[in-house]
Amino acid sequence: MLFPYSEIPEEEEEYLLLKARFIFDIIKNHLYYDALNVGLYDLSAGIDLIIEGRTFYSLPFISASLVRTDTGEPIFEPYLIKDV
């Protein structure tokens, strides 16, 4: 685990995983977002799930305030510049 966060009860893990994957799919494939800002409620299922979603959906996740506790390095890119 990348940072200390309270454990999710086992009976909620599958539900949260399905819900998160559904939301990732909607954002990437139906709303056509260019990036996602990681916020407080996104972390409710744990940082590992967010990282999995970023990798699986090839969608940039941004956050200037989330850092690894062991190194102090940012977990996500702090910003995104896009020419449109």
PDB file of N, CA and C in Angstrom:
ATOM      1  N   MET A   1       0.851  -1.183   0.000  1.00  0.00           N
ATOM      2  CA  MET A   1       0.000   0.000   0.000  1.00  0.00           C
ATOM      3  C   MET A   1       0.891   1.238   0.000  1.00  0.00           C
ATOM      4  N   LEU A   2       0.499   2.239  -0.736  1.00  0.00           N
ATOM      5  CA  LEU A   2       1.337   3.420  -0.895  1.00  0.00           C
ATOM      6  C   LEU A   2       1.246   4.404   0.261  1.00  0.00           C
ATOM      7  N   PHE A   3       0.147   4.441   0.947  1.00  0.00           N
ATOM      8  CA  PHE A   3       0.040   5.318   2.101  1.00  0.00           C
ATOM      9  C   PHE A   3      -0.931   4.709   3.100  1.00  0.00           C
ATOM     10  N   PRO A   4      -0.799   5.048   4.372  1.00  0.00           N
ATOM     11  CA  PRO A   4      -1.682   4.433   5.373  1.00  0.00           C
ATOM     12  C   PRO A   4      -3.117   4.922   5.207  1.00  0.00           C
ATOM     13  N   TYR A   5      -4.031   3.997   5.071  1.00  0.00           N
ATOM     14  CA  TYR A   5      -5.451   4.324   4.930  1.00  0.00           C
ATOM     15  C   TYR A   5      -6.230   3.207   5.585  1.00  0.00           C
ATOM     16  N   SER A   6      -7.372   3.505   6.119  1.00  0.00           N
ATOM     17  CA  SER A   6      -8.130   2.482   6.829  1.00  0.00           C
ATOM     18  C   SER A   6      -8.527   1.356   5.885  1.00  0.00           C
ATOM     19  N   GLU A   7      -8.546   0.152   6.399  1.00  0.00           N
ATOM     20  CA  GLU A   7      -8.898  -1.026   5.609  1.00  0.00           C
ATOM     21  C   GLU A   7     -10.383  -1.007   5.264  1.00  0.00           C
ATOM     22  N   ILE A   8     -10.713  -1.472   4.089  1.00  0.00           N
ATOM     23  CA  ILE A   8     -12.086  -1.592   3.624  1.00  0.00           C
ATOM     24  C   ILE A   8     -12.621  -2.945   4.089  1.00  0.00           C
ATOM     25  N   PRO A   9     -13.816  -2.976   4.704  1.00  0.00           N
ATOM     26  CA  PRO A   9     -14.377  -4.268   5.105  1.00  0.00           C
ATOM     27  C   PRO A   9     -14.533  -5.192   3.905  1.00  0.00           C
ATOM     28  N   GLU A  10     -14.254  -6.478   4.099  1.00  0.00           N
ATOM     29  CA  GLU A  10     -14.285  -7.449   3.005  1.00  0.00           C
ATOM     30  C   GLU A  10     -15.596  -7.457   2.242  1.00  0.00           C
ATOM     31  N   GLU A  11     -16.706  -7.332   2.961  1.00  0.00           N
ATOM     32  CA  GLU A  11     -18.012  -7.396   2.309  1.00  0.00           C
ATOM     33  C   GLU A  11     -18.268  -6.191   1.392  1.00  0.00           C
ATOM     34  N   GLU A  12     -17.491  -5.127   1.543  1.00  0.00           N
ATOM     35  CA  GLU A  12     -17.649  -3.951   0.694  1.00  0.00           C
ATOM     36  C   GLU A  12     -16.648  -3.898  -0.459  1.00  0.00           C
ATOM     37  N   GLU A  13     -15.598  -4.684  -0.405  1.00  0.00           N
ATOM     38  CA  GLU A  13     -14.539  -4.605  -1.416  1.00  0.00           C
ATOM     39  C   GLU A  13     -15.044  -4.858  -2.830  1.00  0.00           C
ATOM     40  N   GLU A  14     -15.797  -5.933  -3.028  1.00  0.00           N
ATOM     41  CA  GLU A  14     -16.265  -6.261  -4.377  1.00  0.00           C
ATOM     42  C   GLU A  14     -17.198  -5.171  -4.914  1.00  0.00           C
ATOM     43  N   TYR A  15     -18.093  -4.689  -4.059  1.00  0.00           N
ATOM     44  CA  TYR A  15     -19.017  -3.625  -4.463  1.00  0.00           C
ATOM     45  C   TYR A  15     -18.247  -2.373  -4.871  1.00  0.00           C
ATOM     46  N   LEU A  16     -17.287  -1.966  -4.069  1.00  0.00           N
ATOM     47  CA  LEU A  16     -16.512  -0.764  -4.378  1.00  0.00           C
ATOM     48  C   LEU A  16     -15.681  -0.929  -5.648  1.00  0.00           C
ATOM     49  N   LEU A  17     -15.142  -2.123  -5.853  1.00  0.00           N
ATOM     50  CA  LEU A  17     -14.365  -2.390  -7.061  1.00  0.00           C
ATOM     51  C   LEU A  17     -15.251  -2.298  -8.307  1.00  0.00           C
ATOM     52  N   LEU A  18     -16.398  -2.916  -8.263  1.00  0.00           N
ATOM     53  CA  LEU A  18     -17.324  -2.851  -9.407  1.00  0.00           C
ATOM     54  C   LEU A  18     -17.783  -1.419  -9.667  1.00  0.00           C
ATOM     55  N   LYS A  19     -18.097  -0.706  -8.609  1.00  0.00           N
ATOM     56  CA  LYS A  19     -18.544   0.679  -8.745  1.00  0.00           C
ATOM     57  C   LYS A  19     -17.443   1.545  -9.358  1.00  0.00           C
ATOM     58  N   ALA A  20     -16.226   1.384  -8.878  1.00  0.00           N
ATOM     59  CA  ALA A  20     -15.114   2.177  -9.396  1.00  0.00           C
ATOM     60  C   ALA A  20     -14.854   1.877 -10.865  1.00  0.00           C
ATOM     61  N   ARG A  21     -14.879   0.607 -11.234  1.00  0.00           N
ATOM     62  CA  ARG A  21     -14.658   0.243 -12.637  1.00  0.00           C
ATOM     63  C   ARG A  21     -15.769   0.777 -13.534  1.00  0.00           C
ATOM     64  N   PHE A  22     -16.982   0.770 -13.046  1.00  0.00           N
ATOM     65  CA  PHE A  22     -18.102   1.333 -13.795  1.00  0.00           C
ATOM     66  C   PHE A  22     -17.895   2.833 -14.009  1.00  0.00           C
ATOM     67  N   ILE A  23     -17.508   3.537 -12.975  1.00  0.00           N
ATOM     68  CA  ILE A  23     -17.282   4.983 -13.072  1.00  0.00           C
ATOM     69  C   ILE A  23     -16.123   5.273 -14.026  1.00  0.00           C
ATOM     70  N   PHE A  24     -15.026   4.525 -13.913  1.00  0.00           N
ATOM     71  CA  PHE A  24     -13.898   4.710 -14.839  1.00  0.00           C
ATOM     72  C   PHE A  24     -14.355   4.523 -16.283  1.00  0.00           C
ATOM     73  N   ASP A  25     -15.164   3.500 -16.535  1.00  0.00           N
ATOM     74  CA  ASP A  25     -15.632   3.224 -17.886  1.00  0.00           C
ATOM     75  C   ASP A  25     -16.482   4.375 -18.416  1.00  0.00           C
ATOM     76  N   ILE A  26     -17.387   4.880 -17.613  1.00  0.00           N
ATOM     77  CA  ILE A  26     -18.241   5.996 -18.034  1.00  0.00           C
ATOM     78  C   ILE A  26     -17.400   7.222 -18.357  1.00  0.00           C
ATOM     79  N   ILE A  27     -16.464   7.545 -17.491  1.00  0.00           N
ATOM     80  CA  ILE A  27     -15.637   8.740 -17.684  1.00  0.00           C
ATOM     81  C   ILE A  27     -14.784   8.636 -18.932  1.00  0.00           C
ATOM     82  N   LYS A  28     -14.160   7.504 -19.131  1.00  0.00           N
ATOM     83  CA  LYS A  28     -13.240   7.340 -20.256  1.00  0.00           C
ATOM     84  C   LYS A  28     -13.960   7.130 -21.583  1.00  0.00           C
ATOM     85  N   ASN A  29     -14.955   6.256 -21.598  1.00  0.00           N
ATOM     86  CA  ASN A  29     -15.546   5.821 -22.858  1.00  0.00           C
ATOM     87  C   ASN A  29     -16.840   6.517 -23.253  1.00  0.00           C
ATOM     88  N   HIS A  30     -17.444   7.265 -22.358  1.00  0.00           N
ATOM     89  CA  HIS A  30     -18.713   7.906 -22.682  1.00  0.00           C
ATOM     90  C   HIS A  30     -18.693   9.418 -22.464  1.00  0.00           C
ATOM     91  N   LEU A  31     -17.906   9.890 -21.517  1.00  0.00           N
ATOM     92  CA  LEU A  31     -17.812  11.328 -21.274  1.00  0.00           C
ATOM     93  C   LEU A  31     -16.579  11.940 -21.924  1.00  0.00           C
ATOM     94  N   TYR A  32     -15.640  11.102 -22.340  1.00  0.00           N
ATOM     95  CA  TYR A  32     -14.433  11.523 -23.053  1.00  0.00           C
ATOM     96  C   TYR A  32     -13.608  12.559 -22.290  1.00  0.00           C
ATOM     97  N   TYR A  33     -13.426  12.332 -21.009  1.00  0.00           N
ATOM     98  CA  TYR A  33     -12.577  13.215 -20.206  1.00  0.00           C
ATOM     99  C   TYR A  33     -11.136  13.123 -20.695  1.00  0.00           C
ATOM    100  N   ASP A  34     -10.404  14.218 -20.549  1.00  0.00           N
ATOM    101  CA  ASP A  34      -8.982  14.234 -20.882  1.00  0.00           C
ATOM    102  C   ASP A  34      -8.122  13.846 -19.690  1.00  0.00           C
ATOM    103  N   ALA A  35      -8.626  14.073 -18.487  1.00  0.00           N
ATOM    104  CA  ALA A  35      -7.892  13.757 -17.257  1.00  0.00           C
ATOM    105  C   ALA A  35      -8.875  13.783 -16.093  1.00  0.00           C
ATOM    106  N   LEU A  36      -8.447  13.220 -14.979  1.00  0.00           N
ATOM    107  CA  LEU A  36      -9.242  13.233 -13.756  1.00  0.00           C
ATOM    108  C   LEU A  36      -8.432  13.818 -12.616  1.00  0.00           C
ATOM    109  N   ASN A  37      -9.052  14.672 -11.836  1.00  0.00           N
ATOM    110  CA  ASN A  37      -8.443  15.162 -10.612  1.00  0.00           C
ATOM    111  C   ASN A  37      -8.835  14.203  -9.492  1.00  0.00           C
ATOM    112  N   VAL A  38      -7.871  13.671  -8.791  1.00  0.00           N
ATOM    113  CA  VAL A  38      -8.136  12.733  -7.710  1.00  0.00           C
ATOM    114  C   VAL A  38      -8.521  13.523  -6.467  1.00  0.00           C
ATOM    115  N   GLY A  39      -9.713  13.236  -5.954  1.00  0.00           N
ATOM    116  CA  GLY A  39     -10.222  13.945  -4.787  1.00  0.00           C
ATOM    117  C   GLY A  39     -10.469  13.020  -3.610  1.00  0.00           C
ATOM    118  N   LEU A  40     -10.977  13.585  -2.558  1.00  0.00           N
ATOM    119  CA  LEU A  40     -11.196  12.870  -1.299  1.00  0.00           C
ATOM    120  C   LEU A  40     -12.054  11.622  -1.473  1.00  0.00           C
ATOM    121  N   TYR A  41     -13.180  11.729  -2.150  1.00  0.00           N
ATOM    122  CA  TYR A  41     -14.079  10.578  -2.280  1.00  0.00           C
ATOM    123  C   TYR A  41     -13.515   9.502  -3.196  1.00  0.00           C
ATOM    124  N   ASP A  42     -12.626   9.880  -4.092  1.00  0.00           N
ATOM    125  CA  ASP A  42     -11.979   8.891  -4.955  1.00  0.00           C
ATOM    126  C   ASP A  42     -11.104   7.947  -4.146  1.00  0.00           C
ATOM    127  N   LEU A  43     -10.626   8.406  -3.024  1.00  0.00           N
ATOM    128  CA  LEU A  43      -9.714   7.613  -2.198  1.00  0.00           C
ATOM    129  C   LEU A  43     -10.428   6.658  -1.243  1.00  0.00           C
ATOM    130  N   SER A  44     -11.748   6.701  -1.215  1.00  0.00           N
ATOM    131  CA  SER A  44     -12.479   5.871  -0.248  1.00  0.00           C
ATOM    132  C   SER A  44     -12.247   4.380  -0.454  1.00  0.00           C
ATOM    133  N   ALA A  45     -11.936   3.958  -1.669  1.00  0.00           N
ATOM    134  CA  ALA A  45     -11.668   2.541  -1.921  1.00  0.00           C
ATOM    135  C   ALA A  45     -10.182   2.233  -1.881  1.00  0.00           C
ATOM    136  N   GLY A  46      -9.366   3.225  -1.632  1.00  0.00           N
ATOM    137  CA  GLY A  46      -7.930   3.012  -1.528  1.00  0.00           C
ATOM    138  C   GLY A  46      -7.163   3.491  -2.747  1.00  0.00           C
ATOM    139  N   ILE A  47      -5.947   3.896  -2.525  1.00  0.00           N
ATOM    140  CA  ILE A  47      -5.104   4.452  -3.583  1.00  0.00           C
ATOM    141  C   ILE A  47      -4.750   3.404  -4.632  1.00  0.00           C
ATOM    142  N   ASP A  48      -4.630   2.145  -4.231  1.00  0.00           N
ATOM    143  CA  ASP A  48      -4.281   1.089  -5.179  1.00  0.00           C
ATOM    144  C   ASP A  48      -5.323   0.960  -6.284  1.00  0.00           C
ATOM    145  N   LEU A  49      -6.585   1.114  -5.949  1.00  0.00           N
ATOM    146  CA  LEU A  49      -7.647   1.037  -6.948  1.00  0.00           C
ATOM    147  C   LEU A  49      -7.560   2.215  -7.922  1.00  0.00           C
ATOM    148  N   ILE A  50      -7.220   3.379  -7.431  1.00  0.00           N
ATOM    149  CA  ILE A  50      -7.059   4.551  -8.297  1.00  0.00           C
ATOM    150  C   ILE A  50      -5.904   4.317  -9.270  1.00  0.00           C
ATOM    151  N   ILE A  51      -4.812   3.799  -8.773  1.00  0.00           N
ATOM    152  CA  ILE A  51      -3.656   3.535  -9.628  1.00  0.00           C
ATOM    153  C   ILE A  51      -4.004   2.478 -10.673  1.00  0.00           C
ATOM    154  N   GLU A  52      -4.748   1.456 -10.282  1.00  0.00           N
ATOM    155  CA  GLU A  52      -5.189   0.440 -11.238  1.00  0.00           C
ATOM    156  C   GLU A  52      -6.045   1.066 -12.331  1.00  0.00           C
ATOM    157  N   GLY A  53      -6.958   1.937 -11.960  1.00  0.00           N
ATOM    158  CA  GLY A  53      -7.819   2.594 -12.938  1.00  0.00           C
ATOM    159  C   GLY A  53      -7.034   3.457 -13.899  1.00  0.00           C
ATOM    160  N   ARG A  54      -6.065   4.160 -13.397  1.00  0.00           N
ATOM    161  CA  ARG A  54      -5.223   5.009 -14.247  1.00  0.00           C
ATOM    162  C   ARG A  54      -4.485   4.161 -15.274  1.00  0.00           C
ATOM    163  N   THR A  55      -3.968   3.045 -14.855  1.00  0.00           N
ATOM    164  CA  THR A  55      -3.212   2.169 -15.746  1.00  0.00           C
ATOM    165  C   THR A  55      -4.135   1.466 -16.743  1.00  0.00           C
ATOM    166  N   PHE A  56      -5.229   0.926 -16.269  1.00  0.00           N
ATOM    167  CA  PHE A  56      -6.129   0.143 -17.100  1.00  0.00           C
ATOM    168  C   PHE A  56      -6.802   0.992 -18.175  1.00  0.00           C
ATOM    169  N   TYR A  57      -7.182   2.213 -17.838  1.00  0.00           N
ATOM    170  CA  TYR A  57      -7.911   3.058 -18.780  1.00  0.00           C
ATOM    171  C   TYR A  57      -7.043   4.084 -19.488  1.00  0.00           C
ATOM    172  N   SER A  58      -5.765   4.098 -19.230  1.00  0.00           N
ATOM    173  CA  SER A  58      -4.840   5.037 -19.881  1.00  0.00           C
ATOM    174  C   SER A  58      -5.349   6.467 -19.816  1.00  0.00           C
ATOM    175  N   LEU A  59      -5.860   6.844 -18.679  1.00  0.00           N
ATOM    176  CA  LEU A  59      -6.384   8.184 -18.468  1.00  0.00           C
ATOM    177  C   LEU A  59      -5.494   8.894 -17.464  1.00  0.00           C
ATOM    178  N   PRO A  60      -4.999  10.090 -17.784  1.00  0.00           N
ATOM    179  CA  PRO A  60      -4.157  10.796 -16.814  1.00  0.00           C
ATOM    180  C   PRO A  60      -4.934  11.178 -15.555  1.00  0.00           C
ATOM    181  N   PHE A  61      -4.364  10.868 -14.415  1.00  0.00           N
ATOM    182  CA  PHE A  61      -4.921  11.287 -13.132  1.00  0.00           C
ATOM    183  C   PHE A  61      -4.002  12.365 -12.599  1.00  0.00           C
ATOM    184  N   ILE A  62      -4.579  13.437 -12.090  1.00  0.00           N
ATOM    185  CA  ILE A  62      -3.766  14.539 -11.587  1.00  0.00           C
ATOM    186  C   ILE A  62      -4.112  14.852 -10.140  1.00  0.00           C
ATOM    187  N   SER A  63      -3.102  15.242  -9.392  1.00  0.00           N
ATOM    188  CA  SER A  63      -3.262  15.696  -8.018  1.00  0.00           C
ATOM    189  C   SER A  63      -1.949  16.311  -7.568  1.00  0.00           C
ATOM    190  N   ALA A  64      -2.032  17.523  -7.102  1.00  0.00           N
ATOM    191  CA  ALA A  64      -0.831  18.202  -6.624  1.00  0.00           C
ATOM    192  C   ALA A  64      -0.584  17.950  -5.146  1.00  0.00           C
ATOM    193  N   SER A  65      -1.522  17.300  -4.456  1.00  0.00           N
ATOM    194  CA  SER A  65      -1.382  17.165  -3.010  1.00  0.00           C
ATOM    195  C   SER A  65      -1.146  15.743  -2.511  1.00  0.00           C
ATOM    196  N   LEU A  66      -1.259  14.742  -3.356  1.00  0.00           N
ATOM    197  CA  LEU A  66      -1.035  13.367  -2.905  1.00  0.00           C
ATOM    198  C   LEU A  66       0.403  12.963  -3.174  1.00  0.00           C
ATOM    199  N   VAL A  67       1.108  12.597  -2.103  1.00  0.00           N
ATOM    200  CA  VAL A  67       2.513  12.198  -2.222  1.00  0.00           C
ATOM    201  C   VAL A  67       2.726  10.877  -1.498  1.00  0.00           C
ATOM    202  N   ARG A  68       3.763  10.148  -1.918  1.00  0.00           N
ATOM    203  CA  ARG A  68       4.135   8.903  -1.247  1.00  0.00           C
ATOM    204  C   ARG A  68       4.691   9.228   0.133  1.00  0.00           C
ATOM    205  N   THR A  69       4.268   8.465   1.125  1.00  0.00           N
ATOM    206  CA  THR A  69       4.743   8.719   2.480  1.00  0.00           C
ATOM    207  C   THR A  69       6.203   8.335   2.658  1.00  0.00           C
ATOM    208  N   ASP A  70       6.685   7.364   1.873  1.00  0.00           N
ATOM    209  CA  ASP A  70       8.063   6.899   2.052  1.00  0.00           C
ATOM    210  C   ASP A  70       9.088   7.786   1.348  1.00  0.00           C
ATOM    211  N   THR A  71       8.711   8.422   0.226  1.00  0.00           N
ATOM    212  CA  THR A  71       9.684   9.219  -0.529  1.00  0.00           C
ATOM    213  C   THR A  71       9.326  10.691  -0.654  1.00  0.00           C
ATOM    214  N   GLY A  72       8.069  11.029  -0.430  1.00  0.00           N
ATOM    215  CA  GLY A  72       7.634  12.410  -0.613  1.00  0.00           C
ATOM    216  C   GLY A  72       7.377  12.774  -2.072  1.00  0.00           C
ATOM    217  N   GLU A  73       7.550  11.792  -2.975  1.00  0.00           N
ATOM    218  CA  GLU A  73       7.324  12.016  -4.405  1.00  0.00           C
ATOM    219  C   GLU A  73       5.825  12.031  -4.710  1.00  0.00           C
ATOM    220  N   PRO A  74       5.400  12.843  -5.677  1.00  0.00           N
ATOM    221  CA  PRO A  74       3.979  12.841  -6.057  1.00  0.00           C
ATOM    222  C   PRO A  74       3.547  11.478  -6.602  1.00  0.00           C
ATOM    223  N   ILE A  75       2.341  11.083  -6.284  1.00  0.00           N
ATOM    224  CA  ILE A  75       1.793   9.832  -6.794  1.00  0.00           C
ATOM    225  C   ILE A  75       1.289  10.039  -8.220  1.00  0.00           C
ATOM    226  N   PHE A  76       0.716  11.190  -8.481  1.00  0.00           N
ATOM    227  CA  PHE A  76       0.167  11.529  -9.785  1.00  0.00           C
ATOM    228  C   PHE A  76       0.830  12.801 -10.295  1.00  0.00           C
ATOM    229  N   GLU A  77       0.661  13.059 -11.577  1.00  0.00           N
ATOM    230  CA  GLU A  77       1.159  14.318 -12.130  1.00  0.00           C
ATOM    231  C   GLU A  77       0.410  15.476 -11.461  1.00  0.00           C
ATOM    232  N   PRO A  78       1.097  16.577 -11.161  1.00  0.00           N
ATOM    233  CA  PRO A  78       0.415  17.686 -10.490  1.00  0.00           C
ATOM    234  C   PRO A  78      -0.472  18.520 -11.412  1.00  0.00           C
ATOM    235  N   TYR A  79      -0.254  18.435 -12.724  1.00  0.00           N
ATOM    236  CA  TYR A  79      -1.061  19.208 -13.673  1.00  0.00           C
ATOM    237  C   TYR A  79      -0.965  18.593 -15.059  1.00  0.00           C
ATOM    238  N   LEU A  80      -1.825  19.056 -15.948  1.00  0.00           N
ATOM    239  CA  LEU A  80      -1.817  18.614 -17.337  1.00  0.00           C
ATOM    240  C   LEU A  80      -2.012  19.834 -18.216  1.00  0.00           C
ATOM    241  N   ILE A  81      -1.167  19.991 -19.199  1.00  0.00           N
ATOM    242  CA  ILE A  81      -1.312  21.053 -20.189  1.00  0.00           C
ATOM    243  C   ILE A  81      -1.703  20.391 -21.499  1.00  0.00           C
ATOM    244  N   LYS A  82      -2.787  20.862 -22.080  1.00  0.00           N
ATOM    245  CA  LYS A  82      -3.270  20.249 -23.314  1.00  0.00           C
ATOM    246  C   LYS A  82      -3.624  21.346 -24.317  1.00  0.00           C
ATOM    247  N   ASP A  83      -3.111  21.213 -25.522  1.00  0.00           N
ATOM    248  CA  ASP A  83      -3.473  22.125 -26.608  1.00  0.00           C
ATOM    249  C   ASP A  83      -4.775  21.633 -27.221  1.00  0.00           C
ATOM    250  N   VAL A  84      -5.746  22.527 -27.335  1.00  0.00           N
ATOM    251  CA  VAL A  84      -7.019  22.160 -27.970  1.00  0.00           C
ATOM    252  C   VAL A  84      -7.324  23.133 -29.093  1.00  0.00           C
TER     253      VAL A  84
END
